Amino acid sequence: MQIQKENTELGQIEYTFRTGEPLIVLLNCFGSFDTVQNFSQVLKYLPKDFEIFAPDFLNTWL
């Protein structure tokens, strides 16, 4: 998994990704943990060839 950061007018957005197929998008819906931490128990059961995109929202870590 790779972590990427993008600066926007609203602040910095961080997202974690892994290339592959099929694509799975993980959206964080609660808590102050980042998306990958919230889904860590699910990720360990997914096949290693699945593509993962897990963006962190601007409110993460507030």
N, C-alpha and C. Protein backbone atom coordinates (compact mmCIF):
# COMPACT_ATOMS: atom_id res chain seq x y z
N MET A 1 0.85 -1.17 0.00
CA MET A 1 0.00 0.00 0.00
C MET A 1 0.90 1.23 0.00
N GLN A 2 0.45 2.23 -0.73
CA GLN A 2 1.18 3.49 -0.82
C GLN A 2 0.31 4.62 -0.28
N ILE A 3 0.94 5.58 0.35
CA ILE A 3 0.22 6.75 0.86
C ILE A 3 0.60 7.96 0.01
N GLN A 4 -0.40 8.70 -0.40
CA GLN A 4 -0.21 9.89 -1.23
C GLN A 4 -0.91 11.06 -0.55
N LYS A 5 -0.36 12.26 -0.68
CA LYS A 5 -0.97 13.46 -0.11
C LYS A 5 -1.20 14.48 -1.22
N GLU A 6 -2.35 15.13 -1.16
CA GLU A 6 -2.70 16.17 -2.12
C GLU A 6 -3.12 17.42 -1.36
N ASN A 7 -2.59 18.56 -1.76
CA ASN A 7 -3.00 19.83 -1.18
C ASN A 7 -4.17 20.39 -1.97
N THR A 8 -5.20 20.84 -1.26
CA THR A 8 -6.36 21.46 -1.88
C THR A 8 -6.59 22.82 -1.22
N GLU A 9 -7.54 23.56 -1.72
CA GLU A 9 -7.88 24.85 -1.12
C GLU A 9 -8.43 24.67 0.30
N LEU A 10 -8.99 23.52 0.59
CA LEU A 10 -9.58 23.26 1.90
C LEU A 10 -8.60 22.63 2.89
N GLY A 11 -7.47 22.18 2.41
CA GLY A 11 -6.49 21.53 3.27
C GLY A 11 -5.88 20.32 2.58
N GLN A 12 -5.06 19.61 3.30
CA GLN A 12 -4.38 18.45 2.74
C GLN A 12 -5.25 17.20 2.87
N ILE A 13 -5.34 16.45 1.78
CA ILE A 13 -6.07 15.18 1.77
C ILE A 13 -5.05 14.07 1.58
N GLU A 14 -5.16 13.03 2.39
CA GLU A 14 -4.28 11.88 2.28
C GLU A 14 -5.09 10.68 1.83
N TYR A 15 -4.52 9.87 0.96
CA TYR A 15 -5.21 8.65 0.55
C TYR A 15 -4.20 7.52 0.41
N THR A 16 -4.69 6.33 0.66
CA THR A 16 -3.88 5.13 0.56
C THR A 16 -4.39 4.32 -0.62
N PHE A 17 -3.45 3.74 -1.39
CA PHE A 17 -3.89 2.96 -2.54
C PHE A 17 -2.93 1.81 -2.82
N ARG A 18 -3.48 0.87 -3.57
CA ARG A 18 -2.72 -0.28 -4.07
C ARG A 18 -3.32 -0.61 -5.42
N THR A 19 -2.50 -0.83 -6.43
CA THR A 19 -3.01 -1.12 -7.76
C THR A 19 -3.37 -2.60 -7.90
N GLY A 20 -4.29 -2.88 -8.81
CA GLY A 20 -4.74 -4.24 -9.08
C GLY A 20 -6.12 -4.23 -9.68
N GLU A 21 -6.79 -5.36 -9.62
CA GLU A 21 -8.16 -5.50 -10.10
C GLU A 21 -8.87 -6.55 -9.29
N PRO A 22 -10.11 -6.39 -8.99
CA PRO A 22 -11.00 -5.25 -9.22
C PRO A 22 -10.73 -4.14 -8.19
N LEU A 23 -11.27 -2.97 -8.45
CA LEU A 23 -11.11 -1.82 -7.56
C LEU A 23 -12.11 -1.89 -6.40
N ILE A 24 -11.61 -1.66 -5.20
CA ILE A 24 -12.46 -1.54 -4.01
C ILE A 24 -12.17 -0.16 -3.41
N VAL A 25 -13.23 0.62 -3.19
CA VAL A 25 -13.10 1.94 -2.57
C VAL A 25 -13.59 1.83 -1.14
N LEU A 26 -12.75 2.22 -0.20
CA LEU A 26 -13.10 2.18 1.22
C LEU A 26 -13.34 3.61 1.69
N LEU A 27 -14.53 3.87 2.22
CA LEU A 27 -14.88 5.20 2.70
C LEU A 27 -15.05 5.18 4.21
N ASN A 28 -14.35 6.05 4.87
CA ASN A 28 -14.41 6.16 6.32
C ASN A 28 -15.69 6.89 6.71
N CYS A 29 -16.47 6.32 7.60
CA CYS A 29 -17.75 6.94 7.94
C CYS A 29 -17.82 7.44 9.37
N PHE A 30 -16.87 7.09 10.22
CA PHE A 30 -16.92 7.58 11.60
C PHE A 30 -15.55 7.46 12.25
N GLY A 31 -15.39 8.14 13.36
CA GLY A 31 -14.17 8.04 14.13
C GLY A 31 -13.06 8.94 13.64
N SER A 32 -12.00 9.00 14.42
CA SER A 32 -10.88 9.86 14.07
C SER A 32 -9.70 9.08 13.51
N PHE A 33 -9.85 7.77 13.35
CA PHE A 33 -8.78 6.97 12.74
C PHE A 33 -8.81 7.14 11.23
N ASP A 34 -7.66 6.96 10.60
CA ASP A 34 -7.68 7.06 9.14
C ASP A 34 -8.37 5.83 8.55
N THR A 35 -8.72 5.92 7.28
CA THR A 35 -9.54 4.90 6.63
C THR A 35 -8.88 3.52 6.66
N VAL A 36 -7.59 3.46 6.40
CA VAL A 36 -6.89 2.17 6.39
C VAL A 36 -6.91 1.53 7.78
N GLN A 37 -6.77 2.33 8.83
CA GLN A 37 -6.85 1.78 10.19
C GLN A 37 -8.24 1.22 10.47
N ASN A 38 -9.28 1.93 10.05
CA ASN A 38 -10.65 1.45 10.29
C ASN A 38 -10.94 0.14 9.57
N PHE A 39 -10.33 -0.07 8.41
CA PHE A 39 -10.59 -1.27 7.62
C PHE A 39 -9.47 -2.30 7.72
N SER A 40 -8.56 -2.15 8.66
CA SER A 40 -7.41 -3.05 8.73
C SER A 40 -7.80 -4.52 8.89
N GLN A 41 -8.86 -4.79 9.64
CA GLN A 41 -9.29 -6.18 9.83
C GLN A 41 -9.91 -6.77 8.57
N VAL A 42 -10.48 -5.93 7.72
CA VAL A 42 -11.05 -6.38 6.45
C VAL A 42 -9.95 -6.57 5.42
N LEU A 43 -9.01 -5.64 5.37
CA LEU A 43 -7.95 -5.67 4.37
C LEU A 43 -7.10 -6.93 4.42
N LYS A 44 -6.88 -7.47 5.60
CA LYS A 44 -6.02 -8.65 5.70
C LYS A 44 -6.66 -9.89 5.06
N TYR A 45 -7.98 -9.86 4.82
CA TYR A 45 -8.65 -11.00 4.19
C TYR A 45 -8.87 -10.82 2.69
N LEU A 46 -8.62 -9.62 2.16
CA LEU A 46 -8.80 -9.39 0.73
C LEU A 46 -7.62 -9.95 -0.05
N PRO A 47 -7.86 -10.49 -1.23
CA PRO A 47 -6.75 -10.97 -2.05
C PRO A 47 -5.76 -9.84 -2.35
N LYS A 48 -4.50 -10.17 -2.43
CA LYS A 48 -3.44 -9.18 -2.65
C LYS A 48 -3.49 -8.52 -4.02
N ASP A 49 -4.24 -9.10 -4.98
CA ASP A 49 -4.30 -8.50 -6.31
C ASP A 49 -5.47 -7.52 -6.46
N PHE A 50 -6.26 -7.28 -5.41
CA PHE A 50 -7.34 -6.29 -5.46
C PHE A 50 -6.74 -4.88 -5.40
N GLU A 51 -7.31 -3.97 -6.18
CA GLU A 51 -6.92 -2.57 -6.09
C GLU A 51 -7.70 -1.94 -4.94
N ILE A 52 -6.99 -1.14 -4.14
CA ILE A 52 -7.60 -0.49 -2.98
C ILE A 52 -7.43 1.02 -3.12
N PHE A 53 -8.50 1.77 -2.88
CA PHE A 53 -8.43 3.23 -2.80
C PHE A 53 -9.14 3.63 -1.52
N ALA A 54 -8.40 4.25 -0.60
CA ALA A 54 -8.95 4.59 0.72
C ALA A 54 -8.60 6.04 1.05
N PRO A 55 -9.49 6.99 0.69
CA PRO A 55 -9.21 8.40 1.00
C PRO A 55 -9.54 8.72 2.45
N ASP A 56 -8.76 9.63 3.02
CA ASP A 56 -9.07 10.17 4.34
C ASP A 56 -9.72 11.53 4.14
N PHE A 57 -10.77 11.77 4.87
CA PHE A 57 -11.48 13.04 4.74
C PHE A 57 -10.78 14.12 5.56
N LEU A 58 -11.09 15.36 5.28
CA LEU A 58 -10.42 16.47 5.95
C LEU A 58 -10.63 16.48 7.46
N ASN A 59 -11.69 15.85 7.94
CA ASN A 59 -11.94 15.84 9.39
C ASN A 59 -11.17 14.75 10.12
N THR A 60 -10.42 13.91 9.42
CA THR A 60 -9.65 12.86 10.08
C THR A 60 -8.56 13.49 10.94
N TRP A 61 -8.42 13.00 12.13
CA TRP A 61 -7.43 13.43 13.11
C TRP A 61 -7.77 14.76 13.76
N LEU A 62 -9.01 15.23 13.68
CA LEU A 62 -9.38 16.46 14.38
C LEU A 62 -9.78 16.17 15.80
